[in-house]
Amino acid sequence: FPVTITGSRKQKDTLNHRDTTREVNDYITKRWNWKSSKGIPHSITFKVRKSDYASSIYHRTHSSSTGYSLWGKMYNHDRAALQDMIRAYRDLIVKEKMDYFTSMDAVVTSIQDIPYTYVISGDERCGQPKHSQDGNYPLKNCRPMSYPYGCCDDVIPYGVYSPMEFVVRETGDCDTKSLMAYVILEELNPLLSGYGYYYDVAMMMGRVSEKGWHAMLGTNYRDWE
């Protein structure tokens, strides 16, 4: 089921630069290094405000939304606070003169480069049998690991981290990662409109087996050649 997340673009960017001392104390600086699907190295550096991180956690844990509407609520809440990150992607795409598909690949591989981490809630627990799949969840460690996967439980509601939480914690599974990629590509649209780019994306959920569902990023394919 494809879901297009909408919201007002009148929301102001909350990442206003302040004096250096407060900036050091109030911000978390991240540097992401990864390789594209063709092995091309990429790197971006950005910062997020600690208070925005705390606000994102509070917003998610106190949300009354369910299912698809929760994705939209988290997108609308976090996107202004992630604009420094979005601009870093914009600068990378422009500097490297990426075409439409190369730029999308750079965004998606940056998210997929971070190891998959199970994010579960309710009565499911790390180290215990999976309800919707065969086998057990890994033991609880709640950190990115290549193998075995990391596992975070008691993530309430609905076993999903917000985009801001993913950026700071660098932990997430299919819906957390898909939503992060959606936020980046959707928020790049106004920044890259002058270059002829438009990422027509949506969050999607589909049944992949008799026992489970899987979240993914959907894109409307266009002939950009």
N, C-alpha and C. Protein backbone atom coordinates (compact mmCIF):
# COMPACT_ATOMS: atom_id res chain seq x y z
N PHE A 1 0.83 -1.18 0.00
CA PHE A 1 0.00 0.00 0.00
C PHE A 1 0.88 1.25 0.00
N PRO A 2 0.94 1.98 -1.11
CA PRO A 2 1.78 3.19 -1.12
C PRO A 2 1.13 4.30 -0.32
N VAL A 3 1.94 5.04 0.39
CA VAL A 3 1.46 6.15 1.20
C VAL A 3 2.30 7.37 0.91
N THR A 4 1.67 8.43 0.42
CA THR A 4 2.37 9.69 0.21
C THR A 4 2.16 10.56 1.43
N ILE A 5 3.25 11.01 2.03
CA ILE A 5 3.20 11.82 3.23
C ILE A 5 3.21 13.29 2.83
N THR A 6 2.27 14.04 3.36
CA THR A 6 2.16 15.44 2.97
C THR A 6 2.28 16.35 4.19
N GLY A 7 2.57 17.60 3.94
CA GLY A 7 2.66 18.57 5.03
C GLY A 7 2.94 19.95 4.47
N SER A 8 2.85 20.95 5.32
CA SER A 8 3.07 22.33 4.90
C SER A 8 4.55 22.65 4.82
N ARG A 9 4.98 23.31 3.76
CA ARG A 9 6.36 23.73 3.61
C ARG A 9 6.58 25.11 4.21
N LYS A 10 5.58 25.65 4.90
CA LYS A 10 5.73 26.96 5.53
C LYS A 10 6.47 26.86 6.86
N GLN A 11 6.73 25.59 7.31
CA GLN A 11 7.44 25.39 8.56
C GLN A 11 8.85 25.95 8.45
N LYS A 12 9.27 26.75 9.41
CA LYS A 12 10.56 27.40 9.34
C LYS A 12 11.69 26.48 9.74
N ASP A 13 12.87 26.72 9.17
CA ASP A 13 14.08 25.99 9.53
C ASP A 13 14.48 26.41 10.94
N THR A 14 14.56 25.44 11.87
CA THR A 14 14.90 25.76 13.25
C THR A 14 16.39 25.75 13.50
N LEU A 15 17.20 25.42 12.50
CA LEU A 15 18.64 25.33 12.70
C LEU A 15 19.30 26.69 12.49
N ASN A 16 18.99 27.63 13.31
CA ASN A 16 19.60 28.95 13.22
C ASN A 16 20.97 28.92 13.89
N HIS A 17 22.00 29.40 13.19
CA HIS A 17 23.34 29.39 13.74
C HIS A 17 23.46 30.43 14.86
N ARG A 18 24.13 30.05 15.93
CA ARG A 18 24.33 30.94 17.05
C ARG A 18 25.82 31.06 17.34
N ASP A 19 26.17 31.64 18.50
CA ASP A 19 27.58 31.80 18.79
C ASP A 19 28.26 30.44 18.91
N THR A 20 29.56 30.41 18.65
CA THR A 20 30.31 29.16 18.55
C THR A 20 30.23 28.33 19.83
N THR A 21 30.30 28.97 20.97
CA THR A 21 30.29 28.23 22.24
C THR A 21 29.00 27.45 22.41
N ARG A 22 27.87 28.10 22.21
CA ARG A 22 26.59 27.42 22.34
C ARG A 22 26.40 26.39 21.24
N GLU A 23 26.93 26.66 20.09
CA GLU A 23 26.81 25.72 18.99
C GLU A 23 27.51 24.41 19.32
N VAL A 24 28.68 24.48 19.91
CA VAL A 24 29.42 23.28 20.29
C VAL A 24 28.66 22.51 21.35
N ASN A 25 28.10 23.22 22.34
CA ASN A 25 27.41 22.56 23.44
C ASN A 25 26.04 22.03 23.06
N ASP A 26 25.38 22.67 22.14
CA ASP A 26 23.98 22.37 21.84
C ASP A 26 23.77 21.47 20.63
N TYR A 27 24.82 21.18 19.88
CA TYR A 27 24.66 20.42 18.65
C TYR A 27 25.44 19.10 18.69
N ILE A 28 24.94 18.15 17.95
CA ILE A 28 25.64 16.88 17.70
C ILE A 28 26.13 16.93 16.25
N THR A 29 27.41 16.78 16.05
CA THR A 29 27.97 16.77 14.70
C THR A 29 28.18 15.35 14.22
N LYS A 30 27.73 15.07 13.01
CA LYS A 30 27.85 13.73 12.43
C LYS A 30 28.62 13.81 11.12
N ARG A 31 29.42 12.79 10.88
CA ARG A 31 30.10 12.65 9.60
C ARG A 31 29.83 11.24 9.07
N TRP A 32 29.16 11.18 7.93
CA TRP A 32 28.82 9.89 7.32
C TRP A 32 29.70 9.65 6.11
N ASN A 33 30.33 8.49 6.08
CA ASN A 33 31.14 8.05 4.94
C ASN A 33 30.57 6.74 4.43
N TRP A 34 30.38 6.63 3.14
CA TRP A 34 29.82 5.41 2.57
C TRP A 34 30.22 5.32 1.10
N LYS A 35 29.86 4.20 0.49
CA LYS A 35 30.11 4.00 -0.94
C LYS A 35 28.79 3.76 -1.66
N SER A 36 28.70 4.27 -2.87
CA SER A 36 27.51 4.07 -3.68
C SER A 36 27.43 2.61 -4.13
N SER A 37 26.35 2.28 -4.83
CA SER A 37 26.21 0.90 -5.32
C SER A 37 27.27 0.54 -6.33
N LYS A 38 27.94 1.55 -6.90
CA LYS A 38 29.02 1.32 -7.85
C LYS A 38 30.40 1.48 -7.21
N GLY A 39 30.42 1.61 -5.88
CA GLY A 39 31.68 1.68 -5.17
C GLY A 39 32.31 3.06 -5.10
N ILE A 40 31.56 4.09 -5.45
CA ILE A 40 32.08 5.46 -5.40
C ILE A 40 31.97 5.99 -3.96
N PRO A 41 33.08 6.46 -3.37
CA PRO A 41 33.02 6.96 -1.98
C PRO A 41 32.33 8.31 -1.89
N HIS A 42 31.52 8.47 -0.85
CA HIS A 42 30.84 9.74 -0.58
C HIS A 42 31.01 10.08 0.89
N SER A 43 30.86 11.35 1.21
CA SER A 43 30.96 11.80 2.60
C SER A 43 30.17 13.09 2.78
N ILE A 44 29.45 13.19 3.89
CA ILE A 44 28.80 14.44 4.27
C ILE A 44 29.02 14.69 5.76
N THR A 45 29.05 15.94 6.14
CA THR A 45 29.14 16.35 7.55
C THR A 45 27.99 17.29 7.84
N PHE A 46 27.31 17.07 8.95
CA PHE A 46 26.16 17.91 9.29
C PHE A 46 25.98 17.89 10.80
N LYS A 47 25.07 18.70 11.28
CA LYS A 47 24.80 18.74 12.71
C LYS A 47 23.30 18.80 12.97
N VAL A 48 22.93 18.32 14.14
CA VAL A 48 21.55 18.40 14.59
C VAL A 48 21.55 18.93 16.02
N ARG A 49 20.52 19.63 16.36
CA ARG A 49 20.42 20.23 17.69
C ARG A 49 19.96 19.18 18.70
N LYS A 50 20.61 19.15 19.85
CA LYS A 50 20.27 18.18 20.90
C LYS A 50 18.83 18.36 21.36
N SER A 51 18.38 19.58 21.45
CA SER A 51 17.00 19.82 21.89
C SER A 51 15.99 19.29 20.87
N ASP A 52 16.34 19.33 19.59
CA ASP A 52 15.46 18.78 18.56
C ASP A 52 15.41 17.25 18.66
N TYR A 53 16.52 16.65 19.01
CA TYR A 53 16.56 15.19 19.22
C TYR A 53 15.64 14.81 20.38
N ALA A 54 15.74 15.53 21.49
CA ALA A 54 14.88 15.25 22.64
C ALA A 54 13.41 15.48 22.29
N SER A 55 13.14 16.53 21.52
CA SER A 55 11.77 16.82 21.11
C SER A 55 11.21 15.71 20.22
N SER A 56 12.05 15.17 19.35
CA SER A 56 11.61 14.10 18.46
C SER A 56 11.23 12.85 19.24
N ILE A 57 12.03 12.51 20.25
CA ILE A 57 11.73 11.35 21.08
C ILE A 57 10.40 11.56 21.81
N TYR A 58 10.24 12.73 22.40
CA TYR A 58 9.00 13.03 23.12
C TYR A 58 7.80 12.96 22.18
N HIS A 59 7.93 13.52 20.99
CA HIS A 59 6.83 13.53 20.03
C HIS A 59 6.43 12.12 19.64
N ARG A 60 7.41 11.24 19.38
CA ARG A 60 7.10 9.87 19.00
C ARG A 60 6.45 9.10 20.13
N THR A 61 7.02 9.18 21.33
CA THR A 61 6.54 8.37 22.44
C THR A 61 5.19 8.84 22.98
N HIS A 62 4.81 10.07 22.68
CA HIS A 62 3.53 10.59 23.15
C HIS A 62 2.52 10.73 22.01
N SER A 63 2.82 10.15 20.86
CA SER A 63 1.92 10.26 19.72
C SER A 63 0.72 9.34 19.87
N SER A 64 -0.44 9.84 19.49
CA SER A 64 -1.66 9.02 19.49
C SER A 64 -1.94 8.47 18.10
N SER A 65 -1.07 8.78 17.13
CA SER A 65 -1.26 8.32 15.76
C SER A 65 -0.90 6.84 15.65
N THR A 66 -1.45 6.20 14.64
CA THR A 66 -1.17 4.79 14.40
C THR A 66 -0.83 4.57 12.94
N GLY A 67 -0.09 3.50 12.69
CA GLY A 67 0.18 3.07 11.32
C GLY A 67 0.76 4.16 10.44
N TYR A 68 0.17 4.30 9.24
CA TYR A 68 0.68 5.22 8.24
C TYR A 68 0.69 6.67 8.73
N SER A 69 -0.32 7.05 9.52
CA SER A 69 -0.38 8.44 9.97
C SER A 69 0.78 8.78 10.89
N LEU A 70 1.32 7.79 11.61
CA LEU A 70 2.47 8.05 12.46
C LEU A 70 3.69 8.43 11.63
N TRP A 71 3.88 7.78 10.48
CA TRP A 71 4.99 8.15 9.59
C TRP A 71 4.88 9.62 9.20
N GLY A 72 3.67 10.03 8.82
CA GLY A 72 3.46 11.41 8.41
C GLY A 72 3.71 12.38 9.54
N LYS A 73 3.27 12.03 10.74
CA LYS A 73 3.48 12.90 11.90
C LYS A 73 4.98 13.06 12.18
N MET A 74 5.74 11.98 12.10
CA MET A 74 7.17 12.05 12.39
C MET A 74 7.89 12.84 11.30
N TYR A 75 7.48 12.67 10.05
CA TYR A 75 8.07 13.44 8.96
C TYR A 75 7.86 14.93 9.18
N ASN A 76 6.63 15.32 9.45
CA ASN A 76 6.32 16.74 9.62
C ASN A 76 7.01 17.34 10.85
N HIS A 77 7.18 16.53 11.88
CA HIS A 77 7.82 17.04 13.10
C HIS A 77 9.32 17.23 12.92
N ASP A 78 9.99 16.30 12.22
CA ASP A 78 11.45 16.27 12.19
C ASP A 78 12.09 17.01 11.03
N ARG A 79 11.37 17.26 9.96
CA ARG A 79 12.02 17.68 8.73
C ARG A 79 12.73 19.04 8.85
N ALA A 80 12.15 19.99 9.59
CA ALA A 80 12.81 21.29 9.73
C ALA A 80 14.11 21.17 10.49
N ALA A 81 14.14 20.29 11.49
CA ALA A 81 15.34 20.11 12.30
C ALA A 81 16.45 19.38 11.57
N LEU A 82 16.13 18.77 10.43
CA LEU A 82 17.13 18.01 9.66
C LEU A 82 17.64 18.78 8.44
N GLN A 83 17.35 20.06 8.36
CA GLN A 83 17.70 20.82 7.16
C GLN A 83 19.21 20.96 6.95
N ASP A 84 20.01 20.97 8.00
CA ASP A 84 21.45 21.03 7.80
C ASP A 84 21.94 19.76 7.10
N MET A 85 21.36 18.65 7.45
CA MET A 85 21.67 17.38 6.80
C MET A 85 21.20 17.40 5.34
N ILE A 86 20.00 17.89 5.10
CA ILE A 86 19.46 17.95 3.74
C ILE A 86 20.36 18.81 2.86
N ARG A 87 20.80 19.95 3.39
CA ARG A 87 21.67 20.82 2.61
C ARG A 87 23.02 20.15 2.32
N ALA A 88 23.49 19.32 3.23
CA ALA A 88 24.75 18.60 3.00
C ALA A 88 24.59 17.64 1.82
N TYR A 89 23.45 16.97 1.73
CA TYR A 89 23.18 16.11 0.57
C TYR A 89 23.09 16.94 -0.70
N ARG A 90 22.40 18.08 -0.61
CA ARG A 90 22.28 18.95 -1.78
C ARG A 90 23.65 19.38 -2.29
N ASP A 91 24.52 19.79 -1.37
CA ASP A 91 25.86 20.23 -1.75
C ASP A 91 26.66 19.11 -2.39
N LEU A 92 26.52 17.89 -1.86
CA LEU A 92 27.22 16.74 -2.43
C LEU A 92 26.74 16.47 -3.85
N ILE A 93 25.43 16.48 -4.06
CA ILE A 93 24.86 16.19 -5.37
C ILE A 93 25.29 17.24 -6.39
N VAL A 94 25.27 18.50 -6.00
CA VAL A 94 25.65 19.57 -6.92
C VAL A 94 27.15 19.53 -7.20
N LYS A 95 27.95 19.36 -6.16
CA LYS A 95 29.40 19.34 -6.32
C LYS A 95 29.85 18.21 -7.23
N GLU A 96 29.26 17.03 -7.06
CA GLU A 96 29.65 15.86 -7.86
C GLU A 96 28.92 15.80 -9.20
N LYS A 97 28.06 16.76 -9.47
CA LYS A 97 27.29 16.83 -10.72
C LYS A 97 26.57 15.51 -11.01
N MET A 98 25.88 15.03 -9.99
CA MET A 98 25.18 13.75 -10.12
C MET A 98 23.93 13.90 -10.97
N ASP A 99 23.61 12.88 -11.74
CA ASP A 99 22.34 12.87 -12.45
C ASP A 99 21.25 12.36 -11.50
N TYR A 100 20.03 12.25 -12.01
CA TYR A 100 18.89 11.89 -11.17
C TYR A 100 19.10 10.56 -10.45
N PHE A 101 19.44 9.52 -11.19
CA PHE A 101 19.57 8.20 -10.59
C PHE A 101 20.80 8.09 -9.70
N THR A 102 21.89 8.73 -10.08
CA THR A 102 23.09 8.70 -9.26
C THR A 102 22.86 9.40 -7.93
N SER A 103 22.12 10.50 -7.95
CA SER A 103 21.83 11.22 -6.72
C SER A 103 20.92 10.41 -5.81
N MET A 104 19.91 9.76 -6.38
CA MET A 104 19.03 8.93 -5.58
C MET A 104 19.80 7.74 -4.98
N ASP A 105 20.69 7.18 -5.78
CA ASP A 105 21.52 6.07 -5.31
C ASP A 105 22.39 6.53 -4.14
N ALA A 106 22.93 7.74 -4.22
CA ALA A 106 23.78 8.25 -3.14
C ALA A 106 22.99 8.37 -1.85
N VAL A 107 21.77 8.83 -1.92
CA VAL A 107 20.95 8.97 -0.73
C VAL A 107 20.60 7.60 -0.14
N VAL A 108 20.10 6.71 -0.98
CA VAL A 108 19.66 5.40 -0.49
C VAL A 108 20.82 4.59 0.07
N THR A 109 21.96 4.60 -0.60
CA THR A 109 23.10 3.82 -0.10
C THR A 109 23.66 4.40 1.20
N SER A 110 23.52 5.71 1.40
CA SER A 110 23.98 6.28 2.67
C SER A 110 23.16 5.74 3.84
N ILE A 111 21.87 5.48 3.60
CA ILE A 111 21.01 4.92 4.65
C ILE A 111 21.26 3.42 4.80
N GLN A 112 21.40 2.73 3.68
CA GLN A 112 21.60 1.29 3.73
C GLN A 112 22.99 0.92 4.24
N ASP A 113 23.94 1.84 4.17
CA ASP A 113 25.29 1.55 4.65
C ASP A 113 25.30 1.34 6.17
N ILE A 114 24.36 1.95 6.86
CA ILE A 114 24.25 1.77 8.31
C ILE A 114 23.60 0.41 8.57
N PRO A 115 24.25 -0.46 9.35
CA PRO A 115 23.73 -1.82 9.54
C PRO A 115 22.29 -1.85 10.05
N TYR A 116 21.56 -2.83 9.59
CA TYR A 116 20.17 -3.05 9.98
C TYR A 116 20.10 -3.37 11.47
N THR A 117 19.14 -2.77 12.15
CA THR A 117 18.91 -3.04 13.57
C THR A 117 17.43 -3.31 13.77
N TYR A 118 17.09 -4.45 14.38
CA TYR A 118 15.69 -4.72 14.69
C TYR A 118 15.18 -3.69 15.70
N VAL A 119 14.00 -3.15 15.42
CA VAL A 119 13.35 -2.21 16.34
C VAL A 119 11.96 -2.76 16.60
N ILE A 120 11.71 -3.23 17.82
CA ILE A 120 10.47 -3.95 18.10
C ILE A 120 9.79 -3.36 19.34
N SER A 121 8.51 -3.70 19.51
CA SER A 121 7.73 -3.15 20.62
C SER A 121 6.72 -4.18 21.09
N GLY A 122 5.87 -3.75 21.99
CA GLY A 122 4.82 -4.64 22.48
C GLY A 122 5.37 -5.80 23.27
N ASP A 123 4.83 -7.00 23.03
CA ASP A 123 5.25 -8.16 23.81
C ASP A 123 6.40 -8.92 23.15
N GLU A 124 6.93 -8.40 22.02
CA GLU A 124 8.10 -9.01 21.42
C GLU A 124 9.35 -8.54 22.16
N ARG A 125 10.35 -9.41 22.24
CA ARG A 125 11.56 -9.09 22.98
C ARG A 125 12.79 -9.59 22.24
N CYS A 126 13.87 -8.83 22.35
CA CYS A 126 15.14 -9.27 21.79
C CYS A 126 15.54 -10.59 22.46
N GLY A 127 16.10 -11.49 21.65
CA GLY A 127 16.50 -12.79 22.16
C GLY A 127 15.39 -13.82 22.21
N GLN A 128 14.15 -13.40 21.89
CA GLN A 128 13.00 -14.29 21.94
C GLN A 128 12.52 -14.62 20.52
N PRO A 129 11.66 -15.65 20.35
CA PRO A 129 11.15 -16.00 19.01
C PRO A 129 10.41 -14.84 18.35
N LYS A 130 10.57 -14.71 17.04
CA LYS A 130 9.85 -13.69 16.28
C LYS A 130 8.40 -14.13 16.09
N HIS A 131 7.48 -13.19 16.20
CA HIS A 131 6.07 -13.52 16.01
C HIS A 131 5.70 -13.68 14.54
N SER A 132 6.31 -12.86 13.69
CA SER A 132 5.89 -12.82 12.29
C SER A 132 6.90 -13.47 11.34
N GLN A 133 8.01 -13.97 11.88
CA GLN A 133 9.02 -14.60 11.04
C GLN A 133 9.59 -15.81 11.76
N ASP A 134 10.34 -16.62 11.04
CA ASP A 134 11.00 -17.76 11.65
C ASP A 134 12.21 -17.32 12.44
N GLY A 135 12.59 -18.10 13.44
CA GLY A 135 13.80 -17.85 14.19
C GLY A 135 13.59 -16.90 15.35
N ASN A 136 14.70 -16.53 16.00
CA ASN A 136 14.68 -15.63 17.14
C ASN A 136 15.28 -14.28 16.79
N TYR A 137 14.89 -13.27 17.56
CA TYR A 137 15.57 -11.99 17.46
C TYR A 137 16.96 -12.10 18.09
N PRO A 138 17.92 -11.29 17.65
CA PRO A 138 19.23 -11.28 18.31
C PRO A 138 19.08 -10.80 19.76
N LEU A 139 20.10 -11.05 20.56
CA LEU A 139 20.09 -10.55 21.92
C LEU A 139 20.08 -9.03 21.92
N LYS A 140 19.52 -8.44 22.96
CA LYS A 140 19.39 -7.00 23.02
C LYS A 140 20.76 -6.32 23.16
N ASN A 141 21.04 -5.41 22.24
CA ASN A 141 22.25 -4.58 22.34
C ASN A 141 21.98 -3.17 21.84
N CYS A 142 20.97 -3.02 20.99
CA CYS A 142 20.49 -1.73 20.49
C CYS A 142 21.62 -0.87 19.94
N ARG A 143 22.41 -1.44 19.06
CA ARG A 143 23.45 -0.69 18.37
C ARG A 143 23.68 -1.33 17.01
N PRO A 144 24.18 -0.56 16.04
CA PRO A 144 24.38 -1.11 14.70
C PRO A 144 25.49 -2.15 14.68
N MET A 145 25.19 -3.31 14.12
CA MET A 145 26.15 -4.40 13.99
C MET A 145 25.96 -5.05 12.64
N SER A 146 27.04 -5.40 11.98
CA SER A 146 26.93 -6.06 10.67
C SER A 146 26.39 -7.47 10.82
N TYR A 147 26.87 -8.22 11.82
CA TYR A 147 26.36 -9.57 12.08
C TYR A 147 26.76 -10.01 13.47
N PRO A 148 25.84 -10.54 14.27
CA PRO A 148 24.40 -10.55 13.98
C PRO A 148 23.84 -9.14 14.09
N TYR A 149 22.62 -8.95 13.61
CA TYR A 149 22.02 -7.63 13.66
C TYR A 149 21.85 -7.17 15.10
N GLY A 150 21.85 -5.84 15.29
CA GLY A 150 21.49 -5.29 16.59
C GLY A 150 20.00 -5.45 16.83
N CYS A 151 19.58 -5.23 18.08
CA CYS A 151 18.17 -5.39 18.41
C CYS A 151 17.80 -4.42 19.53
N CYS A 152 16.73 -3.64 19.31
CA CYS A 152 16.19 -2.71 20.30
C CYS A 152 14.74 -3.09 20.57
N ASP A 153 14.38 -3.32 21.84
CA ASP A 153 12.98 -3.60 22.14
C ASP A 153 12.40 -2.51 23.05
N ASP A 154 11.13 -2.64 23.34
CA ASP A 154 10.39 -1.62 24.10
C ASP A 154 10.40 -0.26 23.42
N VAL A 155 10.45 -0.25 22.07
CA VAL A 155 10.37 1.00 21.33
C VAL A 155 8.88 1.24 21.05
N ILE A 156 8.26 2.00 21.92
CA ILE A 156 6.82 2.19 21.91
C ILE A 156 6.50 3.62 21.50
N PRO A 157 5.53 3.83 20.57
CA PRO A 157 4.68 2.80 19.97
C PRO A 157 5.22 2.25 18.65
N TYR A 158 4.79 1.07 18.31
CA TYR A 158 4.89 0.52 16.95
C TYR A 158 6.28 0.16 16.46
N GLY A 159 7.28 0.12 17.31
CA GLY A 159 8.59 -0.38 16.90
C GLY A 159 9.19 0.37 15.74
N VAL A 160 9.20 1.69 15.81
CA VAL A 160 9.82 2.50 14.75
C VAL A 160 10.46 3.72 15.40
N TYR A 161 11.66 4.06 14.95
CA TYR A 161 12.32 5.28 15.41
C TYR A 161 11.99 6.43 14.46
N SER A 162 11.99 7.62 14.97
CA SER A 162 11.78 8.80 14.14
C SER A 162 13.02 9.05 13.29
N PRO A 163 12.91 9.85 12.22
CA PRO A 163 14.08 10.18 11.41
C PRO A 163 15.22 10.79 12.25
N MET A 164 14.89 11.70 13.16
CA MET A 164 15.92 12.31 13.99
C MET A 164 16.61 11.27 14.87
N GLU A 165 15.85 10.35 15.42
CA GLU A 165 16.44 9.30 16.24
C GLU A 165 17.37 8.42 15.41
N PHE A 166 16.97 8.11 14.18
CA PHE A 166 17.84 7.31 13.33
C PHE A 166 19.15 8.03 13.07
N VAL A 167 19.09 9.31 12.80
CA VAL A 167 20.30 10.09 12.52
C VAL A 167 21.25 10.05 13.71
N VAL A 168 20.73 10.24 14.91
CA VAL A 168 21.58 10.31 16.10
C VAL A 168 22.03 8.92 16.55
N ARG A 169 21.10 7.96 16.60
CA ARG A 169 21.40 6.64 17.10
C ARG A 169 22.05 5.73 16.06
N GLU A 170 21.75 6.01 14.79
CA GLU A 170 22.20 5.17 13.67
C GLU A 170 21.76 3.72 13.88
N THR A 171 20.52 3.57 14.31
CA THR A 171 19.91 2.25 14.45
C THR A 171 18.52 2.29 13.85
N GLY A 172 18.14 1.23 13.12
CA GLY A 172 16.81 1.20 12.54
C GLY A 172 16.61 0.00 11.65
N ASP A 173 15.33 -0.38 11.45
CA ASP A 173 15.02 -1.46 10.53
C ASP A 173 14.26 -0.91 9.33
N CYS A 174 13.42 -1.71 8.69
CA CYS A 174 12.90 -1.34 7.37
C CYS A 174 12.08 -0.05 7.37
N ASP A 175 11.15 0.10 8.33
CA ASP A 175 10.31 1.30 8.29
C ASP A 175 11.07 2.54 8.72
N THR A 176 11.97 2.40 9.69
CA THR A 176 12.78 3.53 10.12
C THR A 176 13.68 4.01 8.99
N LYS A 177 14.33 3.07 8.30
CA LYS A 177 15.24 3.43 7.21
C LYS A 177 14.48 3.98 6.01
N SER A 178 13.35 3.38 5.68
CA SER A 178 12.57 3.86 4.54
C SER A 178 12.07 5.28 4.78
N LEU A 179 11.61 5.55 5.99
CA LEU A 179 11.13 6.89 6.31
C LEU A 179 12.27 7.90 6.25
N MET A 180 13.47 7.52 6.69
CA MET A 180 14.61 8.42 6.63
C MET A 180 14.93 8.78 5.19
N ALA A 181 14.96 7.79 4.31
CA ALA A 181 15.24 8.05 2.90
C ALA A 181 14.15 8.92 2.29
N TYR A 182 12.90 8.68 2.68
CA TYR A 182 11.79 9.48 2.18
C TYR A 182 11.98 10.95 2.57
N VAL A 183 12.30 11.19 3.83
CA VAL A 183 12.47 12.57 4.31
C VAL A 183 13.55 13.29 3.50
N ILE A 184 14.68 12.64 3.32
CA ILE A 184 15.79 13.27 2.60
C ILE A 184 15.39 13.61 1.17
N LEU A 185 14.84 12.65 0.45
CA LEU A 185 14.51 12.88 -0.96
C LEU A 185 13.39 13.90 -1.11
N GLU A 186 12.38 13.82 -0.26
CA GLU A 186 11.27 14.76 -0.34
C GLU A 186 11.75 16.19 -0.03
N GLU A 187 12.60 16.32 0.97
CA GLU A 187 13.08 17.65 1.35
C GLU A 187 14.13 18.19 0.39
N LEU A 188 14.75 17.33 -0.40
CA LEU A 188 15.69 17.80 -1.43
C LEU A 188 14.96 18.45 -2.61
N ASN A 189 13.70 18.12 -2.81
CA ASN A 189 12.97 18.62 -3.98
C ASN A 189 13.02 20.14 -4.13
N PRO A 190 12.67 20.92 -3.11
CA PRO A 190 12.74 22.38 -3.30
C PRO A 190 14.16 22.90 -3.44
N LEU A 191 15.14 22.20 -2.88
CA LEU A 191 16.53 22.65 -2.97
C LEU A 191 17.16 22.35 -4.32
N LEU A 192 16.62 21.38 -5.03
CA LEU A 192 17.19 20.98 -6.32
C LEU A 192 16.27 21.28 -7.49
N SER A 193 15.20 22.01 -7.24
CA SER A 193 14.23 22.28 -8.32
C SER A 193 14.87 23.03 -9.48
N GLY A 194 15.84 23.88 -9.17
CA GLY A 194 16.50 24.63 -10.23
C GLY A 194 17.39 23.78 -11.11
N TYR A 195 17.66 22.56 -10.68
CA TYR A 195 18.51 21.64 -11.46
C TYR A 195 17.67 20.62 -12.23
N GLY A 196 16.36 20.74 -12.13
CA GLY A 196 15.47 19.85 -12.87
C GLY A 196 15.19 18.52 -12.20
N TYR A 197 15.52 18.41 -10.92
CA TYR A 197 15.27 17.17 -10.20
C TYR A 197 13.88 17.21 -9.56
N TYR A 198 13.24 16.06 -9.49
CA TYR A 198 12.04 15.91 -8.68
C TYR A 198 11.91 14.44 -8.29
N TYR A 199 12.03 14.19 -6.99
CA TYR A 199 11.94 12.81 -6.49
C TYR A 199 10.49 12.55 -6.08
N ASP A 200 9.81 11.74 -6.86
CA ASP A 200 8.41 11.40 -6.61
C ASP A 200 8.40 10.11 -5.79
N VAL A 201 8.38 10.25 -4.47
CA VAL A 201 8.57 9.10 -3.59
C VAL A 201 7.39 8.90 -2.66
N ALA A 202 7.29 7.69 -2.11
CA ALA A 202 6.22 7.36 -1.17
C ALA A 202 6.70 6.24 -0.26
N MET A 203 6.16 6.20 0.94
CA MET A 203 6.37 5.06 1.83
C MET A 203 5.45 3.94 1.40
N MET A 204 5.95 2.71 1.45
CA MET A 204 5.15 1.57 1.02
C MET A 204 5.25 0.44 2.04
N MET A 205 4.17 -0.33 2.14
CA MET A 205 4.14 -1.50 3.02
C MET A 205 3.55 -2.65 2.23
N GLY A 206 4.22 -3.80 2.27
CA GLY A 206 3.72 -4.95 1.51
C GLY A 206 4.01 -6.25 2.22
N ARG A 207 3.19 -7.26 1.96
CA ARG A 207 3.40 -8.58 2.52
C ARG A 207 4.47 -9.31 1.72
N VAL A 208 5.51 -9.75 2.37
CA VAL A 208 6.61 -10.44 1.69
C VAL A 208 6.58 -11.94 1.92
N SER A 209 5.76 -12.40 2.85
CA SER A 209 5.60 -13.82 3.10
C SER A 209 4.31 -14.03 3.87
N GLU A 210 3.95 -15.28 4.11
CA GLU A 210 2.74 -15.55 4.88
C GLU A 210 2.86 -15.07 6.32
N LYS A 211 4.09 -14.86 6.77
CA LYS A 211 4.30 -14.52 8.17
C LYS A 211 4.64 -13.05 8.43
N GLY A 212 4.93 -12.29 7.39
CA GLY A 212 5.39 -10.95 7.70
C GLY A 212 5.17 -9.92 6.61
N TRP A 213 5.30 -8.65 7.03
CA TRP A 213 5.20 -7.49 6.17
C TRP A 213 6.53 -6.76 6.15
N HIS A 214 6.69 -5.93 5.12
CA HIS A 214 7.96 -5.22 4.97
C HIS A 214 7.68 -3.80 4.49
N ALA A 215 8.33 -2.83 5.12
CA ALA A 215 8.23 -1.43 4.69
C ALA A 215 9.34 -1.11 3.72
N MET A 216 9.07 -0.23 2.77
CA MET A 216 10.07 0.11 1.75
C MET A 216 9.79 1.49 1.19
N LEU A 217 10.79 2.02 0.49
CA LEU A 217 10.63 3.29 -0.20
C LEU A 217 10.19 3.03 -1.63
N GLY A 218 9.13 3.70 -2.06
CA GLY A 218 8.68 3.58 -3.43
C GLY A 218 8.98 4.85 -4.20
N THR A 219 9.28 4.71 -5.48
CA THR A 219 9.53 5.90 -6.32
C THR A 219 8.82 5.72 -7.65
N ASN A 220 8.28 6.80 -8.15
CA ASN A 220 7.62 6.80 -9.45
C ASN A 220 8.70 6.94 -10.52
N TYR A 221 8.94 5.88 -11.26
CA TYR A 221 10.01 5.90 -12.28
C TYR A 221 9.67 6.86 -13.40
N ARG A 222 10.65 7.67 -13.74
CA ARG A 222 10.48 8.59 -14.87
C ARG A 222 11.68 8.46 -15.79
N ASP A 223 11.46 8.70 -17.05
CA ASP A 223 12.56 8.67 -18.02
C ASP A 223 13.25 10.03 -18.02
N TRP A 224 14.37 10.10 -17.28
CA TRP A 224 15.07 11.37 -17.14
C TRP A 224 16.19 11.54 -18.15
N GLU A 225 16.35 10.60 -19.04
CA GLU A 225 17.41 10.71 -20.05
C GLU A 225 17.02 11.72 -21.13
